[in-house]
Amino acid sequence: YRIIQDPRSFCFGIDAVLLANFAGKTSGKMIDLGTGNGVIPLLYSA
C-alpha cells in the first residue's frame, strides 16, 4: 500500500501507525474519525 501526501501540509506520523495496529480486528463496519490523508483506513485495510 501507498499513500499520497503533500509535504507542505500535515503528514502522518508514528501515532497513526500505532493506532492502526492497536485497534482489534472486526468483521463489522469500521470508521476513522478525522482521517486526514486516510492513513489509518489504508493501514487497517492492509
ModelCIF file with pLDDT and N, C-alpha, C, O atoms, coordinates in Angstrom:
data_MODEL
#
_entry.id   MODEL 
#
_entity.id                         1 
_entity.type                       polymer 
_entity.pdbx_number_of_molecules   1 
#
_entity_poly.entity_id                      1 
_entity_poly.type                           'polypeptide(L)' 
_entity_poly.nstd_linkage                   no 
_entity_poly.nstd_monomer                   no 
_entity_poly.pdbx_seq_one_letter_code       YRIIQDPRSFCFGIDAVLLANFAGKTSGKMIDLGTGNGVIPLLYSA 
_entity_poly.pdbx_seq_one_letter_code_can   YRIIQDPRSFCFGIDAVLLANFAGKTSGKMIDLGTGNGVIPLLYSA 
_entity_poly.pdbx_strand_id                 A 
#
loop_
_entity_poly_seq.entity_id 
_entity_poly_seq.num 
_entity_poly_seq.mon_id 
_entity_poly_seq.hetero 
1 1  TYR n 
1 2  ARG n 
1 3  ILE n 
1 4  ILE n 
1 5  GLN n 
1 6  ASP n 
1 7  PRO n 
1 8  ARG n 
1 9  SER n 
1 10 PHE n 
1 11 CYS n 
1 12 PHE n 
1 13 GLY n 
1 14 ILE n 
1 15 ASP n 
1 16 ALA n 
1 17 VAL n 
1 18 LEU n 
1 19 LEU n 
1 20 ALA n 
1 21 ASN n 
1 22 PHE n 
1 23 ALA n 
1 24 GLY n 
1 25 LYS n 
1 26 THR n 
1 27 SER n 
1 28 GLY n 
1 29 LYS n 
1 30 MET n 
1 31 ILE n 
1 32 ASP n 
1 33 LEU n 
1 34 GLY n 
1 35 THR n 
1 36 GLY n 
1 37 ASN n 
1 38 GLY n 
1 39 VAL n 
1 40 ILE n 
1 41 PRO n 
1 42 LEU n 
1 43 LEU n 
1 44 TYR n 
1 45 SER n 
1 46 ALA n 
#
_struct_asym.id          A 
_struct_asym.entity_id   1 
#
loop_
_ma_qa_metric.id 
_ma_qa_metric.mode 
_ma_qa_metric.name 
_ma_qa_metric.software_group_id 
_ma_qa_metric.type 
1 global pLDDT . pLDDT 
2 local  pLDDT . pLDDT 
#
_ma_qa_metric_global.metric_id      1 
_ma_qa_metric_global.metric_value   93.72 
_ma_qa_metric_global.model_id       1 
_ma_qa_metric_global.ordinal_id     1 
#
loop_
_ma_qa_metric_local.label_asym_id 
_ma_qa_metric_local.label_comp_id 
_ma_qa_metric_local.label_seq_id 
_ma_qa_metric_local.metric_id 
_ma_qa_metric_local.metric_value 
_ma_qa_metric_local.model_id 
_ma_qa_metric_local.ordinal_id 
A TYR 1  2 94.00 1 1  
A ARG 2  2 95.00 1 2  
A ILE 3  2 96.00 1 3  
A ILE 4  2 97.00 1 4  
A GLN 5  2 95.00 1 5  
A ASP 6  2 93.00 1 6  
A PRO 7  2 90.00 1 7  
A ARG 8  2 87.00 1 8  
A SER 9  2 86.00 1 9  
A PHE 10 2 82.00 1 10 
A CYS 11 2 88.00 1 11 
A PHE 12 2 90.00 1 12 
A GLY 13 2 89.00 1 13 
A ILE 14 2 91.00 1 14 
A ASP 15 2 92.00 1 15 
A ALA 16 2 93.00 1 16 
A VAL 17 2 93.00 1 17 
A LEU 18 2 95.00 1 18 
A LEU 19 2 96.00 1 19 
A ALA 20 2 95.00 1 20 
A ASN 21 2 94.00 1 21 
A PHE 22 2 95.00 1 22 
A ALA 23 2 96.00 1 23 
A GLY 24 2 93.00 1 24 
A LYS 25 2 92.00 1 25 
A THR 26 2 92.00 1 26 
A SER 27 2 89.00 1 27 
A GLY 28 2 95.00 1 28 
A LYS 29 2 97.00 1 29 
A MET 30 2 98.00 1 30 
A ILE 31 2 98.00 1 31 
A ASP 32 2 98.00 1 32 
A LEU 33 2 98.00 1 33 
A GLY 34 2 96.00 1 34 
A THR 35 2 96.00 1 35 
A GLY 36 2 94.00 1 36 
A ASN 37 2 94.00 1 37 
A GLY 38 2 97.00 1 38 
A VAL 39 2 96.00 1 39 
A ILE 40 2 97.00 1 40 
A PRO 41 2 97.00 1 41 
A LEU 42 2 97.00 1 42 
A LEU 43 2 95.00 1 43 
A TYR 44 2 95.00 1 44 
A SER 45 2 94.00 1 45 
A ALA 46 2 91.00 1 46 
#
loop_
_atom_site.group_PDB 
_atom_site.id 
_atom_site.type_symbol 
_atom_site.label_atom_id 
_atom_site.label_alt_id 
_atom_site.label_comp_id 
_atom_site.label_asym_id 
_atom_site.label_entity_id 
_atom_site.label_seq_id 
_atom_site.pdbx_PDB_ins_code 
_atom_site.Cartn_x 
_atom_site.Cartn_y 
_atom_site.Cartn_z 
_atom_site.occupancy 
_atom_site.B_iso_or_equiv 
_atom_site.pdbx_formal_charge 
_atom_site.auth_seq_id 
_atom_site.auth_comp_id 
_atom_site.auth_asym_id 
_atom_site.auth_atom_id 
_atom_site.pdbx_PDB_model_num 
ATOM 1   N N  . TYR A 1 1  ? 0.820   -1.198 0.000  1.00 94.00 ? 1  TYR A N  1 
ATOM 2   C CA . TYR A 1 1  ? 0.000   0.000  0.000  1.00 94.00 ? 1  TYR A CA 1 
ATOM 3   C C  . TYR A 1 1  ? 0.864   1.262  0.000  1.00 94.00 ? 1  TYR A C  1 
ATOM 4   O O  . TYR A 1 1  ? 1.956   1.296  0.568  1.00 94.00 ? 1  TYR A O  1 
ATOM 5   N N  . ARG A 1 2  ? 0.335   2.295  -0.656 1.00 95.00 ? 2  ARG A N  1 
ATOM 6   C CA . ARG A 1 2  ? 0.996   3.594  -0.731 1.00 95.00 ? 2  ARG A CA 1 
ATOM 7   C C  . ARG A 1 2  ? 0.006   4.686  -0.363 1.00 95.00 ? 2  ARG A C  1 
ATOM 8   O O  . ARG A 1 2  ? -1.207  4.473  -0.375 1.00 95.00 ? 2  ARG A O  1 
ATOM 9   N N  . ILE A 1 3  ? 0.530   5.845  -0.038 1.00 96.00 ? 3  ILE A N  1 
ATOM 10  C CA . ILE A 1 3  ? -0.323  6.968  0.355  1.00 96.00 ? 3  ILE A CA 1 
ATOM 11  C C  . ILE A 1 3  ? 0.159   8.250  -0.311 1.00 96.00 ? 3  ILE A C  1 
ATOM 12  O O  . ILE A 1 3  ? 1.361   8.483  -0.438 1.00 96.00 ? 3  ILE A O  1 
ATOM 13  N N  . ILE A 1 4  ? -0.779  9.067  -0.729 1.00 97.00 ? 4  ILE A N  1 
ATOM 14  C CA . ILE A 1 4  ? -0.468  10.369 -1.336 1.00 97.00 ? 4  ILE A CA 1 
ATOM 15  C C  . ILE A 1 4  ? -0.407  11.410 -0.224 1.00 97.00 ? 4  ILE A C  1 
ATOM 16  O O  . ILE A 1 4  ? -1.341  11.545 0.567  1.00 97.00 ? 4  ILE A O  1 
ATOM 17  N N  . GLN A 1 5  ? 0.700   12.142 -0.173 1.00 95.00 ? 5  GLN A N  1 
ATOM 18  C CA . GLN A 1 5  ? 0.861   13.183 0.845  1.00 95.00 ? 5  GLN A CA 1 
ATOM 19  C C  . GLN A 1 5  ? 1.413   14.455 0.217  1.00 95.00 ? 5  GLN A C  1 
ATOM 20  O O  . GLN A 1 5  ? 2.055   14.421 -0.833 1.00 95.00 ? 5  GLN A O  1 
ATOM 21  N N  . ASP A 1 6  ? 1.153   15.561 0.870  1.00 93.00 ? 6  ASP A N  1 
ATOM 22  C CA . ASP A 1 6  ? 1.704   16.847 0.465  1.00 93.00 ? 6  ASP A CA 1 
ATOM 23  C C  . ASP A 1 6  ? 2.673   17.286 1.554  1.00 93.00 ? 6  ASP A C  1 
ATOM 24  O O  . ASP A 1 6  ? 2.235   17.643 2.647  1.00 93.00 ? 6  ASP A O  1 
ATOM 25  N N  . PRO A 1 7  ? 3.979   17.270 1.290  1.00 90.00 ? 7  PRO A N  1 
ATOM 26  C CA . PRO A 1 7  ? 4.963   17.616 2.329  1.00 90.00 ? 7  PRO A CA 1 
ATOM 27  C C  . PRO A 1 7  ? 4.832   19.042 2.848  1.00 90.00 ? 7  PRO A C  1 
ATOM 28  O O  . PRO A 1 7  ? 5.390   19.373 3.894  1.00 90.00 ? 7  PRO A O  1 
ATOM 29  N N  . ARG A 1 8  ? 4.106   19.882 2.133  1.00 87.00 ? 8  ARG A N  1 
ATOM 30  C CA . ARG A 1 8  ? 3.895   21.262 2.592  1.00 87.00 ? 8  ARG A CA 1 
ATOM 31  C C  . ARG A 1 8  ? 2.805   21.332 3.654  1.00 87.00 ? 8  ARG A C  1 
ATOM 32  O O  . ARG A 1 8  ? 2.645   22.354 4.321  1.00 87.00 ? 8  ARG A O  1 
ATOM 33  N N  . SER A 1 9  ? 2.057   20.244 3.807  1.00 86.00 ? 9  SER A N  1 
ATOM 34  C CA . SER A 1 9  ? 0.951   20.224 4.753  1.00 86.00 ? 9  SER A CA 1 
ATOM 35  C C  . SER A 1 9  ? 1.185   19.138 5.799  1.00 86.00 ? 9  SER A C  1 
ATOM 36  O O  . SER A 1 9  ? 2.321   18.720 6.022  1.00 86.00 ? 9  SER A O  1 
ATOM 37  N N  . PHE A 1 10 ? 0.105   18.683 6.441  1.00 82.00 ? 10 PHE A N  1 
ATOM 38  C CA . PHE A 1 10 ? 0.233   17.711 7.529  1.00 82.00 ? 10 PHE A CA 1 
ATOM 39  C C  . PHE A 1 10 ? 0.438   16.306 6.970  1.00 82.00 ? 10 PHE A C  1 
ATOM 40  O O  . PHE A 1 10 ? -0.356  15.838 6.153  1.00 82.00 ? 10 PHE A O  1 
ATOM 41  N N  . CYS A 1 11 ? 1.505   15.631 7.411  1.00 88.00 ? 11 CYS A N  1 
ATOM 42  C CA . CYS A 1 11 ? 1.786   14.250 7.013  1.00 88.00 ? 11 CYS A CA 1 
ATOM 43  C C  . CYS A 1 11 ? 1.670   13.346 8.237  1.00 88.00 ? 11 CYS A C  1 
ATOM 44  O O  . CYS A 1 11 ? 1.918   13.779 9.362  1.00 88.00 ? 11 CYS A O  1 
ATOM 45  N N  . PHE A 1 12 ? 1.295   12.101 8.016  1.00 90.00 ? 12 PHE A N  1 
ATOM 46  C CA . PHE A 1 12 ? 1.066   11.197 9.144  1.00 90.00 ? 12 PHE A CA 1 
ATOM 47  C C  . PHE A 1 12 ? 2.363   10.877 9.876  1.00 90.00 ? 12 PHE A C  1 
ATOM 48  O O  . PHE A 1 12 ? 3.451   10.986 9.312  1.00 90.00 ? 12 PHE A O  1 
ATOM 49  N N  . GLY A 1 13 ? 2.232   10.479 11.138 1.00 89.00 ? 13 GLY A N  1 
ATOM 50  C CA . GLY A 1 13 ? 3.381   10.128 11.964 1.00 89.00 ? 13 GLY A CA 1 
ATOM 51  C C  . GLY A 1 13 ? 3.209   8.749  12.565 1.00 89.00 ? 13 GLY A C  1 
ATOM 52  O O  . GLY A 1 13 ? 2.303   8.003  12.194 1.00 89.00 ? 13 GLY A O  1 
ATOM 53  N N  . ILE A 1 14 ? 4.078   8.420  13.488 1.00 91.00 ? 14 ILE A N  1 
ATOM 54  C CA . ILE A 1 14 ? 4.068   7.092  14.104 1.00 91.00 ? 14 ILE A CA 1 
ATOM 55  C C  . ILE A 1 14 ? 2.790   6.853  14.899 1.00 91.00 ? 14 ILE A C  1 
ATOM 56  O O  . ILE A 1 14 ? 2.382   5.703  15.065 1.00 91.00 ? 14 ILE A O  1 
ATOM 57  N N  . ASP A 1 15 ? 2.148   7.910  15.396 1.00 92.00 ? 15 ASP A N  1 
ATOM 58  C CA . ASP A 1 15 ? 0.931   7.728  16.178 1.00 92.00 ? 15 ASP A CA 1 
ATOM 59  C C  . ASP A 1 15 ? -0.159  7.032  15.364 1.00 92.00 ? 15 ASP A C  1 
ATOM 60  O O  . ASP A 1 15 ? -0.888  6.197  15.899 1.00 92.00 ? 15 ASP A O  1 
ATOM 61  N N  . ALA A 1 16 ? -0.278  7.366  14.076 1.00 93.00 ? 16 ALA A N  1 
ATOM 62  C CA . ALA A 1 16 ? -1.271  6.717  13.216 1.00 93.00 ? 16 ALA A CA 1 
ATOM 63  C C  . ALA A 1 16 ? -0.943  5.242  13.027 1.00 93.00 ? 16 ALA A C  1 
ATOM 64  O O  . ALA A 1 16 ? -1.840  4.399  13.018 1.00 93.00 ? 16 ALA A O  1 
ATOM 65  N N  . VAL A 1 17 ? 0.341   4.930  12.876 1.00 93.00 ? 17 VAL A N  1 
ATOM 66  C CA . VAL A 1 17 ? 0.768   3.540  12.698 1.00 93.00 ? 17 VAL A CA 1 
ATOM 67  C C  . VAL A 1 17 ? 0.453   2.722  13.947 1.00 93.00 ? 17 VAL A C  1 
ATOM 68  O O  . VAL A 1 17 ? -0.040  1.599  13.851 1.00 93.00 ? 17 VAL A O  1 
ATOM 69  N N  . LEU A 1 18 ? 0.737   3.285  15.109 1.00 95.00 ? 18 LEU A N  1 
ATOM 70  C CA . LEU A 1 18 ? 0.475   2.599  16.366 1.00 95.00 ? 18 LEU A CA 1 
ATOM 71  C C  . LEU A 1 18 ? -1.015  2.343  16.554 1.00 95.00 ? 18 LEU A C  1 
ATOM 72  O O  . LEU A 1 18 ? -1.413  1.254  16.968 1.00 95.00 ? 18 LEU A O  1 
ATOM 73  N N  . LEU A 1 19 ? -1.835  3.339  16.254 1.00 96.00 ? 19 LEU A N  1 
ATOM 74  C CA . LEU A 1 19 ? -3.268  3.195  16.444 1.00 96.00 ? 19 LEU A CA 1 
ATOM 75  C C  . LEU A 1 19 ? -3.862  2.144  15.508 1.00 96.00 ? 19 LEU A C  1 
ATOM 76  O O  . LEU A 1 19 ? -4.712  1.354  15.920 1.00 96.00 ? 19 LEU A O  1 
ATOM 77  N N  . ALA A 1 20 ? -3.418  2.133  14.249 1.00 95.00 ? 20 ALA A N  1 
ATOM 78  C CA . ALA A 1 20 ? -3.940  1.154  13.288 1.00 95.00 ? 20 ALA A CA 1 
ATOM 79  C C  . ALA A 1 20 ? -3.654  -0.269 13.745 1.00 95.00 ? 20 ALA A C  1 
ATOM 80  O O  . ALA A 1 20 ? -4.441  -1.178 13.481 1.00 95.00 ? 20 ALA A O  1 
ATOM 81  N N  . ASN A 1 21 ? -2.532  -0.466 14.430 1.00 94.00 ? 21 ASN A N  1 
ATOM 82  C CA . ASN A 1 21 ? -2.182  -1.802 14.901 1.00 94.00 ? 21 ASN A CA 1 
ATOM 83  C C  . ASN A 1 21 ? -2.862  -2.131 16.234 1.00 94.00 ? 21 ASN A C  1 
ATOM 84  O O  . ASN A 1 21 ? -3.215  -3.282 16.490 1.00 94.00 ? 21 ASN A O  1 
ATOM 85  N N  . PHE A 1 22 ? -3.041  -1.114 17.077 1.00 95.00 ? 22 PHE A N  1 
ATOM 86  C CA . PHE A 1 22 ? -3.652  -1.305 18.401 1.00 95.00 ? 22 PHE A CA 1 
ATOM 87  C C  . PHE A 1 22 ? -5.116  -1.712 18.284 1.00 95.00 ? 22 PHE A C  1 
ATOM 88  O O  . PHE A 1 22 ? -5.604  -2.522 19.072 1.00 95.00 ? 22 PHE A O  1 
ATOM 89  N N  . ALA A 1 23 ? -5.814  -1.150 17.305 1.00 96.00 ? 23 ALA A N  1 
ATOM 90  C CA . ALA A 1 23 ? -7.228  -1.468 17.121 1.00 96.00 ? 23 ALA A CA 1 
ATOM 91  C C  . ALA A 1 23 ? -7.396  -2.928 16.726 1.00 96.00 ? 23 ALA A C  1 
ATOM 92  O O  . ALA A 1 23 ? -6.689  -3.425 15.850 1.00 96.00 ? 23 ALA A O  1 
ATOM 93  N N  . GLY A 1 24 ? -8.323  -3.608 17.366 1.00 93.00 ? 24 GLY A N  1 
ATOM 94  C CA . GLY A 1 24 ? -8.528  -5.021 17.093 1.00 93.00 ? 24 GLY A CA 1 
ATOM 95  C C  . GLY A 1 24 ? -9.226  -5.264 15.766 1.00 93.00 ? 24 GLY A C  1 
ATOM 96  O O  . GLY A 1 24 ? -9.806  -4.351 15.178 1.00 93.00 ? 24 GLY A O  1 
ATOM 97  N N  . LYS A 1 25 ? -9.164  -6.505 15.303 1.00 92.00 ? 25 LYS A N  1 
ATOM 98  C CA . LYS A 1 25 ? -9.854  -6.888 14.071 1.00 92.00 ? 25 LYS A CA 1 
ATOM 99  C C  . LYS A 1 25 ? -11.360 -6.836 14.273 1.00 92.00 ? 25 LYS A C  1 
ATOM 100 O O  . LYS A 1 25 ? -11.858 -7.058 15.377 1.00 92.00 ? 25 LYS A O  1 
ATOM 101 N N  . THR A 1 26 ? -12.077 -6.541 13.203 1.00 92.00 ? 26 THR A N  1 
ATOM 102 C CA . THR A 1 26 ? -13.531 -6.583 13.254 1.00 92.00 ? 26 THR A CA 1 
ATOM 103 C C  . THR A 1 26 ? -14.067 -7.100 11.933 1.00 92.00 ? 26 THR A C  1 
ATOM 104 O O  . THR A 1 26 ? -13.501 -6.839 10.871 1.00 92.00 ? 26 THR A O  1 
ATOM 105 N N  . SER A 1 27 ? -15.157 -7.831 12.009 1.00 89.00 ? 27 SER A N  1 
ATOM 106 C CA . SER A 1 27 ? -15.832 -8.296 10.800 1.00 89.00 ? 27 SER A CA 1 
ATOM 107 C C  . SER A 1 27 ? -16.974 -7.353 10.440 1.00 89.00 ? 27 SER A C  1 
ATOM 108 O O  . SER A 1 27 ? -17.631 -7.516 9.412  1.00 89.00 ? 27 SER A O  1 
ATOM 109 N N  . GLY A 1 28 ? -17.201 -6.354 11.310 1.00 95.00 ? 28 GLY A N  1 
ATOM 110 C CA . GLY A 1 28 ? -18.247 -5.369 11.068 1.00 95.00 ? 28 GLY A CA 1 
ATOM 111 C C  . GLY A 1 28 ? -17.687 -4.122 10.398 1.00 95.00 ? 28 GLY A C  1 
ATOM 112 O O  . GLY A 1 28 ? -16.567 -4.131 9.888  1.00 95.00 ? 28 GLY A O  1 
ATOM 113 N N  . LYS A 1 29 ? -18.471 -3.055 10.403 1.00 97.00 ? 29 LYS A N  1 
ATOM 114 C CA . LYS A 1 29 ? -18.065 -1.803 9.772  1.00 97.00 ? 29 LYS A CA 1 
ATOM 115 C C  . LYS A 1 29 ? -17.142 -1.010 10.699 1.00 97.00 ? 29 LYS A C  1 
ATOM 116 O O  . LYS A 1 29 ? -17.338 -0.983 11.914 1.00 97.00 ? 29 LYS A O  1 
ATOM 117 N N  . MET A 1 30 ? -16.141 -0.369 10.110 1.00 98.00 ? 30 MET A N  1 
ATOM 118 C CA . MET A 1 30 ? -15.171 0.416  10.862 1.00 98.00 ? 30 MET A CA 1 
ATOM 119 C C  . MET A 1 30 ? -15.140 1.829  10.305 1.00 98.00 ? 30 MET A C  1 
ATOM 120 O O  . MET A 1 30 ? -15.259 2.027  9.096  1.00 98.00 ? 30 MET A O  1 
ATOM 121 N N  . ILE A 1 31 ? -14.979 2.823  11.193 1.00 98.00 ? 31 ILE A N  1 
ATOM 122 C CA . ILE A 1 31 ? -14.851 4.207  10.748 1.00 98.00 ? 31 ILE A CA 1 
ATOM 123 C C  . ILE A 1 31 ? -13.723 4.893  11.498 1.00 98.00 ? 31 ILE A C  1 
ATOM 124 O O  . ILE A 1 31 ? -13.556 4.699  12.702 1.00 98.00 ? 31 ILE A O  1 
ATOM 125 N N  . ASP A 1 32 ? -12.951 5.697  10.777 1.00 98.00 ? 32 ASP A N  1 
ATOM 126 C CA . ASP A 1 32 ? -11.870 6.500  11.361 1.00 98.00 ? 32 ASP A CA 1 
ATOM 127 C C  . ASP A 1 32 ? -12.298 7.956  11.325 1.00 98.00 ? 32 ASP A C  1 
ATOM 128 O O  . ASP A 1 32 ? -12.562 8.507  10.256 1.00 98.00 ? 32 ASP A O  1 
ATOM 129 N N  . LEU A 1 33 ? -12.366 8.580  12.494 1.00 98.00 ? 33 LEU A N  1 
ATOM 130 C CA . LEU A 1 33 ? -12.833 9.964  12.605 1.00 98.00 ? 33 LEU A CA 1 
ATOM 131 C C  . LEU A 1 33 ? -11.662 10.936 12.537 1.00 98.00 ? 33 LEU A C  1 
ATOM 132 O O  . LEU A 1 33 ? -10.691 10.805 13.282 1.00 98.00 ? 33 LEU A O  1 
ATOM 133 N N  . GLY A 1 34 ? -11.762 11.921 11.630 1.00 96.00 ? 34 GLY A N  1 
ATOM 134 C CA . GLY A 1 34 ? -10.671 12.854 11.405 1.00 96.00 ? 34 GLY A CA 1 
ATOM 135 C C  . GLY A 1 34 ? -9.533  12.153 10.693 1.00 96.00 ? 34 GLY A C  1 
ATOM 136 O O  . GLY A 1 34 ? -8.391  12.187 11.152 1.00 96.00 ? 34 GLY A O  1 
ATOM 137 N N  . THR A 1 35 ? -9.838  11.522 9.579  1.00 96.00 ? 35 THR A N  1 
ATOM 138 C CA . THR A 1 35 ? -8.906  10.588 8.939  1.00 96.00 ? 35 THR A CA 1 
ATOM 139 C C  . THR A 1 35 ? -7.739  11.238 8.217  1.00 96.00 ? 35 THR A C  1 
ATOM 140 O O  . THR A 1 35 ? -6.786  10.550 7.850  1.00 96.00 ? 35 THR A O  1 
ATOM 141 N N  . GLY A 1 36 ? -7.791  12.564 8.004  1.00 94.00 ? 36 GLY A N  1 
ATOM 142 C CA . GLY A 1 36 ? -6.689  13.234 7.324  1.00 94.00 ? 36 GLY A CA 1 
ATOM 143 C C  . GLY A 1 36 ? -6.472  12.684 5.929  1.00 94.00 ? 36 GLY A C  1 
ATOM 144 O O  . GLY A 1 36 ? -7.401  12.639 5.122  1.00 94.00 ? 36 GLY A O  1 
ATOM 145 N N  . ASN A 1 37 ? -5.243  12.264 5.641  1.00 94.00 ? 37 ASN A N  1 
ATOM 146 C CA . ASN A 1 37 ? -4.910  11.693 4.339  1.00 94.00 ? 37 ASN A CA 1 
ATOM 147 C C  . ASN A 1 37 ? -5.383  10.256 4.171  1.00 94.00 ? 37 ASN A C  1 
ATOM 148 O O  . ASN A 1 37 ? -5.143  9.638  3.134  1.00 94.00 ? 37 ASN A O  1 
ATOM 149 N N  . GLY A 1 38 ? -6.053  9.724  5.185  1.00 97.00 ? 38 GLY A N  1 
ATOM 150 C CA . GLY A 1 38 ? -6.599  8.377  5.087  1.00 97.00 ? 38 GLY A CA 1 
ATOM 151 C C  . GLY A 1 38 ? -5.641  7.271  5.459  1.00 97.00 ? 38 GLY A C  1 
ATOM 152 O O  . GLY A 1 38 ? -5.830  6.123  5.057  1.00 97.00 ? 38 GLY A O  1 
ATOM 153 N N  . VAL A 1 39 ? -4.606  7.601  6.229  1.00 96.00 ? 39 VAL A N  1 
ATOM 154 C CA . VAL A 1 39 ? -3.583  6.590  6.532  1.00 96.00 ? 39 VAL A CA 1 
ATOM 155 C C  . VAL A 1 39 ? -4.121  5.456  7.389  1.00 96.00 ? 39 VAL A C  1 
ATOM 156 O O  . VAL A 1 39 ? -3.777  4.298  7.151  1.00 96.00 ? 39 VAL A O  1 
ATOM 157 N N  . ILE A 1 40 ? -4.955  5.754  8.378  1.00 97.00 ? 40 ILE A N  1 
ATOM 158 C CA . ILE A 1 40 ? -5.455  4.682  9.250  1.00 97.00 ? 40 ILE A CA 1 
ATOM 159 C C  . ILE A 1 40 ? -6.383  3.730  8.500  1.00 97.00 ? 40 ILE A C  1 
ATOM 160 O O  . ILE A 1 40 ? -6.223  2.517  8.642  1.00 97.00 ? 40 ILE A O  1 
ATOM 161 N N  . PRO A 1 41 ? -7.346  4.210  7.707  1.00 97.00 ? 41 PRO A N  1 
ATOM 162 C CA . PRO A 1 41 ? -8.127  3.266  6.901  1.00 97.00 ? 41 PRO A CA 1 
ATOM 163 C C  . PRO A 1 41 ? -7.274  2.415  5.974  1.00 97.00 ? 41 PRO A C  1 
ATOM 164 O O  . PRO A 1 41 ? -7.556  1.229  5.803  1.00 97.00 ? 41 PRO A O  1 
ATOM 165 N N  . LEU A 1 42 ? -6.237  2.988  5.369  1.00 97.00 ? 42 LEU A N  1 
ATOM 166 C CA . LEU A 1 42 ? -5.381  2.225  4.468  1.00 97.00 ? 42 LEU A CA 1 
ATOM 167 C C  . LEU A 1 42 ? -4.578  1.169  5.221  1.00 97.00 ? 42 LEU A C  1 
ATOM 168 O O  . LEU A 1 42 ? -4.501  0.019  4.788  1.00 97.00 ? 42 LEU A O  1 
ATOM 169 N N  . LEU A 1 43 ? -3.981  1.557  6.347  1.00 95.00 ? 43 LEU A N  1 
ATOM 170 C CA . LEU A 1 43 ? -3.208  0.600  7.140  1.00 95.00 ? 43 LEU A CA 1 
ATOM 171 C C  . LEU A 1 43 ? -4.107  -0.493 7.699  1.00 95.00 ? 43 LEU A C  1 
ATOM 172 O O  . LEU A 1 43 ? -3.734  -1.666 7.722  1.00 95.00 ? 43 LEU A O  1 
ATOM 173 N N  . TYR A 1 44 ? -5.290  -0.099 8.148  1.00 95.00 ? 44 TYR A N  1 
ATOM 174 C CA . TYR A 1 44 ? -6.210  -1.086 8.705  1.00 95.00 ? 44 TYR A CA 1 
ATOM 175 C C  . TYR A 1 44 ? -6.659  -2.072 7.627  1.00 95.00 ? 44 TYR A C  1 
ATOM 176 O O  . TYR A 1 44 ? -6.793  -3.269 7.879  1.00 95.00 ? 44 TYR A O  1 
ATOM 177 N N  . SER A 1 45 ? -6.887  -1.550 6.429  1.00 94.00 ? 45 SER A N  1 
ATOM 178 C CA . SER A 1 45 ? -7.265  -2.416 5.309  1.00 94.00 ? 45 SER A CA 1 
ATOM 179 C C  . SER A 1 45 ? -6.149  -3.389 4.971  1.00 94.00 ? 45 SER A C  1 
ATOM 180 O O  . SER A 1 45 ? -6.397  -4.577 4.764  1.00 94.00 ? 45 SER A O  1 
ATOM 181 N N  . ALA A 1 46 ? -4.920  -2.889 4.915  1.00 91.00 ? 46 ALA A N  1 
ATOM 182 C CA . ALA A 1 46 ? -3.775  -3.722 4.546  1.00 91.00 ? 46 ALA A CA 1 
ATOM 183 C C  . ALA A 1 46 ? -3.476  -4.773 5.605  1.00 91.00 ? 46 ALA A C  1 
ATOM 184 O O  . ALA A 1 46 ? -2.541  -5.559 5.450  1.00 91.00 ? 46 ALA A O  1 
#
